[in-house]
């Protein structure tokens, strides 16, 4: 029974990743409003009926892409900070993951930034909870730095939100022709100026 359950869970995860990959590509190219579930199913390599075994509507597909995208960021953040004890190192590593997301998952980053405005009220509540959890992750890094004397005493929630919004602005950076500054340079600038600005003297 356990092996059967493990197989079904692994299959579910594979299907969700297929939907995520297909949906982010279609949403990024056509926009949420113009995209169809058939186009998403085709891009995901699934029959439309199979797609509806995992989602019930186009909005559920959008919510799945948002949740999967932020789950990827969280998983990569956990990996990046593993073994790091210094709060500054942890914060900087987390910021690099956040800012590099646009480069690694370009379509997903664009969807996360632009298509959320098409969500219903329930969808916005769903998104608010996920984003709030993400902000609280950064807040915990900052609180740890304050407690250990590495960062100035400040409102950690505001600091976390400002850092998240800075990262969000660059989440689809490079889409427009004038956006030519390398993301690595932007990441270094934010860390060297914004983060260093809250370091305890």
C-alpha atoms as a PDB file:
ATOM      1  CA  UNK A   1       0.000   0.000   0.000  1.00  0.00           C
ATOM      2  CA  UNK A   2       2.802   2.384   0.901  1.00  0.00           C
ATOM      3  CA  UNK A   3       4.534   1.844  -2.443  1.00  0.00           C
ATOM      4  CA  UNK A   4       1.258   2.441  -4.260  1.00  0.00           C
ATOM      5  CA  UNK A   5       0.749   5.701  -2.406  1.00  0.00           C
ATOM      6  CA  UNK A   6       4.336   6.765  -3.109  1.00  0.00           C
ATOM      7  CA  UNK A   7       3.858   6.002  -6.801  1.00  0.00           C
ATOM      8  CA  UNK A   8       0.616   7.988  -6.973  1.00  0.00           C
ATOM      9  CA  UNK A   9       2.185  10.958  -5.168  1.00  0.00           C
ATOM     10  CA  UNK A  10       5.209  10.931  -7.470  1.00  0.00           C
ATOM     11  CA  UNK A  11       2.859  10.783 -10.463  1.00  0.00           C
ATOM     12  CA  UNK A  12       0.834  13.692  -9.095  1.00  0.00           C
ATOM     13  CA  UNK A  13       3.980  15.754  -8.627  1.00  0.00           C
ATOM     14  CA  UNK A  14       5.118  15.010 -12.182  1.00  0.00           C
ATOM     15  CA  UNK A  15       1.753  16.052 -13.570  1.00  0.00           C
ATOM     16  CA  UNK A  16       1.746  19.264 -11.528  1.00  0.00           C
ATOM     17  CA  UNK A  17       5.204  20.111 -12.848  1.00  0.00           C
ATOM     18  CA  UNK A  18       4.033  19.430 -16.411  1.00  0.00           C
ATOM     19  CA  UNK A  19       1.068  21.748 -15.898  1.00  0.00           C
ATOM     20  CA  UNK A  20       3.331  24.353 -14.301  1.00  0.00           C
ATOM     21  CA  UNK A  21       5.783  24.275 -17.202  1.00  0.00           C
ATOM     22  CA  UNK A  22       3.074  24.365 -19.855  1.00  0.00           C
ATOM     23  CA  UNK A  23       0.916  26.988 -18.168  1.00  0.00           C
ATOM     24  CA  UNK A  24       3.736  29.401 -17.404  1.00  0.00           C
ATOM     25  CA  UNK A  25       4.857  29.254 -21.029  1.00  0.00           C
ATOM     26  CA  UNK A  26       1.349  29.901 -22.400  1.00  0.00           C
ATOM     27  CA  UNK A  27       0.446  32.567 -19.822  1.00  0.00           C
ATOM     28  CA  UNK A  28       3.748  34.389 -20.413  1.00  0.00           C
ATOM     29  CA  UNK A  29       3.247  34.378 -24.191  1.00  0.00           C
ATOM     30  CA  UNK A  30      -0.485  35.066 -24.450  1.00  0.00           C
ATOM     31  CA  UNK A  31      -1.553  36.403 -21.084  1.00  0.00           C
ATOM     32  CA  UNK A  32      -4.019  34.776 -18.702  1.00  0.00           C
ATOM     33  CA  UNK A  33      -7.161  36.199 -20.329  1.00  0.00           C
ATOM     34  CA  UNK A  34      -6.290  35.057 -23.855  1.00  0.00           C
ATOM     35  CA  UNK A  35      -4.918  31.634 -22.953  1.00  0.00           C
ATOM     36  CA  UNK A  36      -7.143  28.571 -23.285  1.00  0.00           C
ATOM     37  CA  UNK A  37      -7.069  25.369 -21.283  1.00  0.00           C
ATOM     38  CA  UNK A  38      -6.551  23.431 -24.527  1.00  0.00           C
ATOM     39  CA  UNK A  39      -3.401  25.454 -25.264  1.00  0.00           C
ATOM     40  CA  UNK A  40      -2.169  24.827 -21.742  1.00  0.00           C
ATOM     41  CA  UNK A  41      -2.880  21.097 -22.001  1.00  0.00           C
ATOM     42  CA  UNK A  42      -1.031  20.948 -25.333  1.00  0.00           C
ATOM     43  CA  UNK A  43       1.972  22.841 -23.918  1.00  0.00           C
ATOM     44  CA  UNK A  44       2.001  20.518 -20.900  1.00  0.00           C
ATOM     45  CA  UNK A  45       1.893  17.429 -23.116  1.00  0.00           C
ATOM     46  CA  UNK A  46      -1.383  16.272 -21.578  1.00  0.00           C
ATOM     47  CA  UNK A  47      -4.832  15.441 -22.870  1.00  0.00           C
ATOM     48  CA  UNK A  48      -7.379  18.042 -21.809  1.00  0.00           C
ATOM     49  CA  UNK A  49      -9.231  15.403 -19.801  1.00  0.00           C
ATOM     50  CA  UNK A  50      -6.056  14.538 -17.933  1.00  0.00           C
ATOM     51  CA  UNK A  51      -5.492  18.216 -17.174  1.00  0.00           C
ATOM     52  CA  UNK A  52      -8.908  18.402 -15.525  1.00  0.00           C
ATOM     53  CA  UNK A  53      -8.024  15.519 -13.223  1.00  0.00           C
ATOM     54  CA  UNK A  54      -5.706  17.967 -11.423  1.00  0.00           C
ATOM     55  CA  UNK A  55      -7.420  21.345 -11.864  1.00  0.00           C
ATOM     56  CA  UNK A  56     -11.027  22.382 -12.316  1.00  0.00           C
ATOM     57  CA  UNK A  57     -10.657  25.781 -13.999  1.00  0.00           C
ATOM     58  CA  UNK A  58      -8.206  28.120 -15.667  1.00  0.00           C
ATOM     59  CA  UNK A  59      -7.922  30.097 -12.434  1.00  0.00           C
ATOM     60  CA  UNK A  60      -6.895  26.929 -10.604  1.00  0.00           C
ATOM     61  CA  UNK A  61      -4.180  26.493 -13.222  1.00  0.00           C
ATOM     62  CA  UNK A  62      -2.962  30.031 -12.521  1.00  0.00           C
ATOM     63  CA  UNK A  63      -3.008  29.396  -8.773  1.00  0.00           C
ATOM     64  CA  UNK A  64      -1.123  26.138  -9.307  1.00  0.00           C
ATOM     65  CA  UNK A  65       1.577  27.952 -11.300  1.00  0.00           C
ATOM     66  CA  UNK A  66       1.926  30.588  -8.579  1.00  0.00           C
ATOM     67  CA  UNK A  67       2.117  28.009  -5.793  1.00  0.00           C
ATOM     68  CA  UNK A  68       4.559  25.813  -7.698  1.00  0.00           C
ATOM     69  CA  UNK A  69       6.726  28.801  -8.601  1.00  0.00           C
ATOM     70  CA  UNK A  70       7.023  30.012  -5.029  1.00  0.00           C
ATOM     71  CA  UNK A  71       7.567  26.443  -3.841  1.00  0.00           C
ATOM     72  CA  UNK A  72      10.547  26.241  -6.185  1.00  0.00           C
ATOM     73  CA  UNK A  73      11.932  29.467  -4.703  1.00  0.00           C
ATOM     74  CA  UNK A  74      11.417  28.130  -1.161  1.00  0.00           C
ATOM     75  CA  UNK A  75      13.095  24.803  -1.969  1.00  0.00           C
ATOM     76  CA  UNK A  76      16.076  26.502  -3.583  1.00  0.00           C
ATOM     77  CA  UNK A  77      16.317  28.955  -0.683  1.00  0.00           C
ATOM     78  CA  UNK A  78      16.397  26.093   1.832  1.00  0.00           C
ATOM     79  CA  UNK A  79      19.174  24.472  -0.191  1.00  0.00           C
ATOM     80  CA  UNK A  80      21.146  27.735  -0.485  1.00  0.00           C
ATOM     81  CA  UNK A  81      21.079  28.515   3.254  1.00  0.00           C
ATOM     82  CA  UNK A  82      21.772  24.980   4.430  1.00  0.00           C
ATOM     83  CA  UNK A  83      24.830  25.020   6.662  1.00  0.00           C
ATOM     84  CA  UNK A  84      25.004  28.818   6.871  1.00  0.00           C
ATOM     85  CA  UNK A  85      25.016  30.097  10.440  1.00  0.00           C
ATOM     86  CA  UNK A  86      25.645  33.834   9.997  1.00  0.00           C
ATOM     87  CA  UNK A  87      22.334  35.742   9.558  1.00  0.00           C
ATOM     88  CA  UNK A  88      23.855  38.015   6.909  1.00  0.00           C
ATOM     89  CA  UNK A  89      25.043  35.047   4.872  1.00  0.00           C
ATOM     90  CA  UNK A  90      21.581  33.483   5.098  1.00  0.00           C
ATOM     91  CA  UNK A  91      19.820  36.691   4.072  1.00  0.00           C
ATOM     92  CA  UNK A  92      22.167  37.302   1.161  1.00  0.00           C
ATOM     93  CA  UNK A  93      21.872  33.715  -0.059  1.00  0.00           C
ATOM     94  CA  UNK A  94      18.073  33.927   0.064  1.00  0.00           C
ATOM     95  CA  UNK A  95      18.090  37.192  -1.880  1.00  0.00           C
ATOM     96  CA  UNK A  96      20.322  35.719  -4.567  1.00  0.00           C
ATOM     97  CA  UNK A  97      17.891  32.821  -5.034  1.00  0.00           C
ATOM     98  CA  UNK A  98      14.968  35.241  -5.254  1.00  0.00           C
ATOM     99  CA  UNK A  99      16.667  37.472  -7.816  1.00  0.00           C
ATOM    100  CA  UNK A 100      18.059  34.592  -9.872  1.00  0.00           C
ATOM    101  CA  UNK A 101      14.572  33.107 -10.172  1.00  0.00           C
ATOM    102  CA  UNK A 102      13.887  35.393 -13.151  1.00  0.00           C
ATOM    103  CA  UNK A 103      16.890  34.033 -14.988  1.00  0.00           C
ATOM    104  CA  UNK A 104      16.237  30.391 -14.194  1.00  0.00           C
ATOM    105  CA  UNK A 105      12.443  30.363 -14.603  1.00  0.00           C
ATOM    106  CA  UNK A 106      11.763  33.286 -16.918  1.00  0.00           C
ATOM    107  CA  UNK A 107       8.195  32.375 -17.895  1.00  0.00           C
ATOM    108  CA  UNK A 108       7.175  31.620 -14.326  1.00  0.00           C
ATOM    109  CA  UNK A 109       8.666  34.892 -13.077  1.00  0.00           C
ATOM    110  CA  UNK A 110       6.673  36.862 -15.631  1.00  0.00           C
ATOM    111  CA  UNK A 111       3.442  35.109 -14.682  1.00  0.00           C
ATOM    112  CA  UNK A 112       4.035  35.737 -10.971  1.00  0.00           C
ATOM    113  CA  UNK A 113       4.523  39.438 -11.599  1.00  0.00           C
ATOM    114  CA  UNK A 114       1.812  40.219 -14.144  1.00  0.00           C
ATOM    115  CA  UNK A 115      -0.985  37.672 -14.203  1.00  0.00           C
ATOM    116  CA  UNK A 116      -1.972  37.767 -10.526  1.00  0.00           C
ATOM    117  CA  UNK A 117      -4.315  40.687 -11.231  1.00  0.00           C
ATOM    118  CA  UNK A 118      -6.705  38.319 -13.010  1.00  0.00           C
ATOM    119  CA  UNK A 119      -7.383  36.323  -9.843  1.00  0.00           C
ATOM    120  CA  UNK A 120     -10.813  36.332  -8.219  1.00  0.00           C
ATOM    121  CA  UNK A 121     -11.269  37.485  -4.621  1.00  0.00           C
ATOM    122  CA  UNK A 122     -10.731  33.940  -3.364  1.00  0.00           C
ATOM    123  CA  UNK A 123      -7.702  33.643  -5.605  1.00  0.00           C
ATOM    124  CA  UNK A 124      -6.245  36.845  -4.174  1.00  0.00           C
ATOM    125  CA  UNK A 125      -6.756  35.535  -0.645  1.00  0.00           C
ATOM    126  CA  UNK A 126      -4.968  32.338  -1.650  1.00  0.00           C
ATOM    127  CA  UNK A 127      -2.106  34.337  -3.154  1.00  0.00           C
ATOM    128  CA  UNK A 128      -1.920  36.682  -0.162  1.00  0.00           C
ATOM    129  CA  UNK A 129      -1.331  33.762   2.195  1.00  0.00           C
ATOM    130  CA  UNK A 130       1.459  32.305   0.046  1.00  0.00           C
ATOM    131  CA  UNK A 131       3.219  35.649  -0.441  1.00  0.00           C
ATOM    132  CA  UNK A 132       2.858  36.489   3.246  1.00  0.00           C
ATOM    133  CA  UNK A 133       4.557  33.211   4.160  1.00  0.00           C
ATOM    134  CA  UNK A 134       7.382  34.144   1.799  1.00  0.00           C
ATOM    135  CA  UNK A 135       7.777  37.593   3.365  1.00  0.00           C
ATOM    136  CA  UNK A 136       7.794  36.036   6.832  1.00  0.00           C
ATOM    137  CA  UNK A 137      10.660  33.795   5.733  1.00  0.00           C
ATOM    138  CA  UNK A 138      12.740  36.909   5.020  1.00  0.00           C
ATOM    139  CA  UNK A 139      11.507  38.522   8.206  1.00  0.00           C
ATOM    140  CA  UNK A 140      12.803  35.550  10.186  1.00  0.00           C
ATOM    141  CA  UNK A 141      16.261  36.000   8.661  1.00  0.00           C
ATOM    142  CA  UNK A 142      16.207  39.693   9.596  1.00  0.00           C
ATOM    143  CA  UNK A 143      14.925  39.039  13.132  1.00  0.00           C
ATOM    144  CA  UNK A 144      17.717  36.510  13.607  1.00  0.00           C
ATOM    145  CA  UNK A 145      20.245  39.112  12.477  1.00  0.00           C
ATOM    146  CA  UNK A 146      18.829  41.698  14.890  1.00  0.00           C
ATOM    147  CA  UNK A 147      18.820  39.231  17.778  1.00  0.00           C
ATOM    148  CA  UNK A 148      22.454  38.321  17.141  1.00  0.00           C
ATOM    149  CA  UNK A 149      23.530  41.940  16.810  1.00  0.00           C
ATOM    150  CA  UNK A 150      24.394  41.695  13.119  1.00  0.00           C
ATOM    151  CA  UNK A 151      21.606  43.993  11.942  1.00  0.00           C
ATOM    152  CA  UNK A 152      20.213  47.287  13.221  1.00  0.00           C
ATOM    153  CA  UNK A 153      17.098  47.283  15.362  1.00  0.00           C
ATOM    154  CA  UNK A 154      14.304  48.085  12.920  1.00  0.00           C
ATOM    155  CA  UNK A 155      10.831  47.024  11.813  1.00  0.00           C
ATOM    156  CA  UNK A 156      11.701  43.652  10.328  1.00  0.00           C
ATOM    157  CA  UNK A 157       8.344  43.298   8.573  1.00  0.00           C
ATOM    158  CA  UNK A 158       8.814  46.541   6.638  1.00  0.00           C
ATOM    159  CA  UNK A 159      12.414  45.613   5.820  1.00  0.00           C
ATOM    160  CA  UNK A 160      11.319  42.188   4.560  1.00  0.00           C
ATOM    161  CA  UNK A 161       8.551  43.693   2.426  1.00  0.00           C
ATOM    162  CA  UNK A 162      10.912  46.268   0.888  1.00  0.00           C
ATOM    163  CA  UNK A 163      13.442  43.586  -0.004  1.00  0.00           C
ATOM    164  CA  UNK A 164      10.716  41.379  -1.462  1.00  0.00           C
ATOM    165  CA  UNK A 165       9.311  44.239  -3.544  1.00  0.00           C
ATOM    166  CA  UNK A 166      12.795  45.043  -4.852  1.00  0.00           C
ATOM    167  CA  UNK A 167      13.150  41.397  -5.893  1.00  0.00           C
ATOM    168  CA  UNK A 168       9.644  41.378  -7.375  1.00  0.00           C
ATOM    169  CA  UNK A 169      10.401  44.388  -9.566  1.00  0.00           C
ATOM    170  CA  UNK A 170      13.193  42.422 -11.210  1.00  0.00           C
ATOM    171  CA  UNK A 171      11.249  39.152 -11.444  1.00  0.00           C
ATOM    172  CA  UNK A 172      10.672  39.551 -15.201  1.00  0.00           C
ATOM    173  CA  UNK A 173      13.681  41.773 -15.844  1.00  0.00           C
ATOM    174  CA  UNK A 174      15.089  41.507 -19.348  1.00  0.00           C
ATOM    175  CA  UNK A 175      11.713  41.231 -21.060  1.00  0.00           C
ATOM    176  CA  UNK A 176      11.931  44.794 -22.404  1.00  0.00           C
ATOM    177  CA  UNK A 177      14.788  45.804 -24.739  1.00  0.00           C
ATOM    178  CA  UNK A 178      16.137  48.540 -22.453  1.00  0.00           C
ATOM    179  CA  UNK A 179      16.548  46.154 -19.515  1.00  0.00           C
ATOM    180  CA  UNK A 180      20.159  45.179 -20.194  1.00  0.00           C
ATOM    181  CA  UNK A 181      21.881  45.296 -16.802  1.00  0.00           C
ATOM    182  CA  UNK A 182      23.044  41.766 -15.865  1.00  0.00           C
ATOM    183  CA  UNK A 183      20.957  40.298 -13.042  1.00  0.00           C
ATOM    184  CA  UNK A 184      24.116  39.370 -11.166  1.00  0.00           C
ATOM    185  CA  UNK A 185      25.079  43.069 -11.094  1.00  0.00           C
ATOM    186  CA  UNK A 186      21.610  44.012  -9.846  1.00  0.00           C
ATOM    187  CA  UNK A 187      21.803  41.350  -7.149  1.00  0.00           C
ATOM    188  CA  UNK A 188      25.197  42.605  -5.994  1.00  0.00           C
ATOM    189  CA  UNK A 189      23.924  46.201  -5.951  1.00  0.00           C
ATOM    190  CA  UNK A 190      20.902  45.344  -3.784  1.00  0.00           C
ATOM    191  CA  UNK A 191      23.045  43.347  -1.352  1.00  0.00           C
ATOM    192  CA  UNK A 192      25.860  45.905  -1.230  1.00  0.00           C
ATOM    193  CA  UNK A 193      23.582  48.908  -0.756  1.00  0.00           C
ATOM    194  CA  UNK A 194      20.183  47.888   0.644  1.00  0.00           C
ATOM    195  CA  UNK A 195      21.258  44.995   2.843  1.00  0.00           C
ATOM    196  CA  UNK A 196      24.487  46.604   4.017  1.00  0.00           C
ATOM    197  CA  UNK A 197      22.432  49.646   4.925  1.00  0.00           C
ATOM    198  CA  UNK A 198      20.750  47.717   7.757  1.00  0.00           C
ATOM    199  CA  UNK A 199      23.940  46.164   9.125  1.00  0.00           C
ATOM    200  CA  UNK A 200      24.614  47.080  12.750  1.00  0.00           C
ATOM    201  CA  UNK A 201      27.599  49.411  13.188  1.00  0.00           C
END
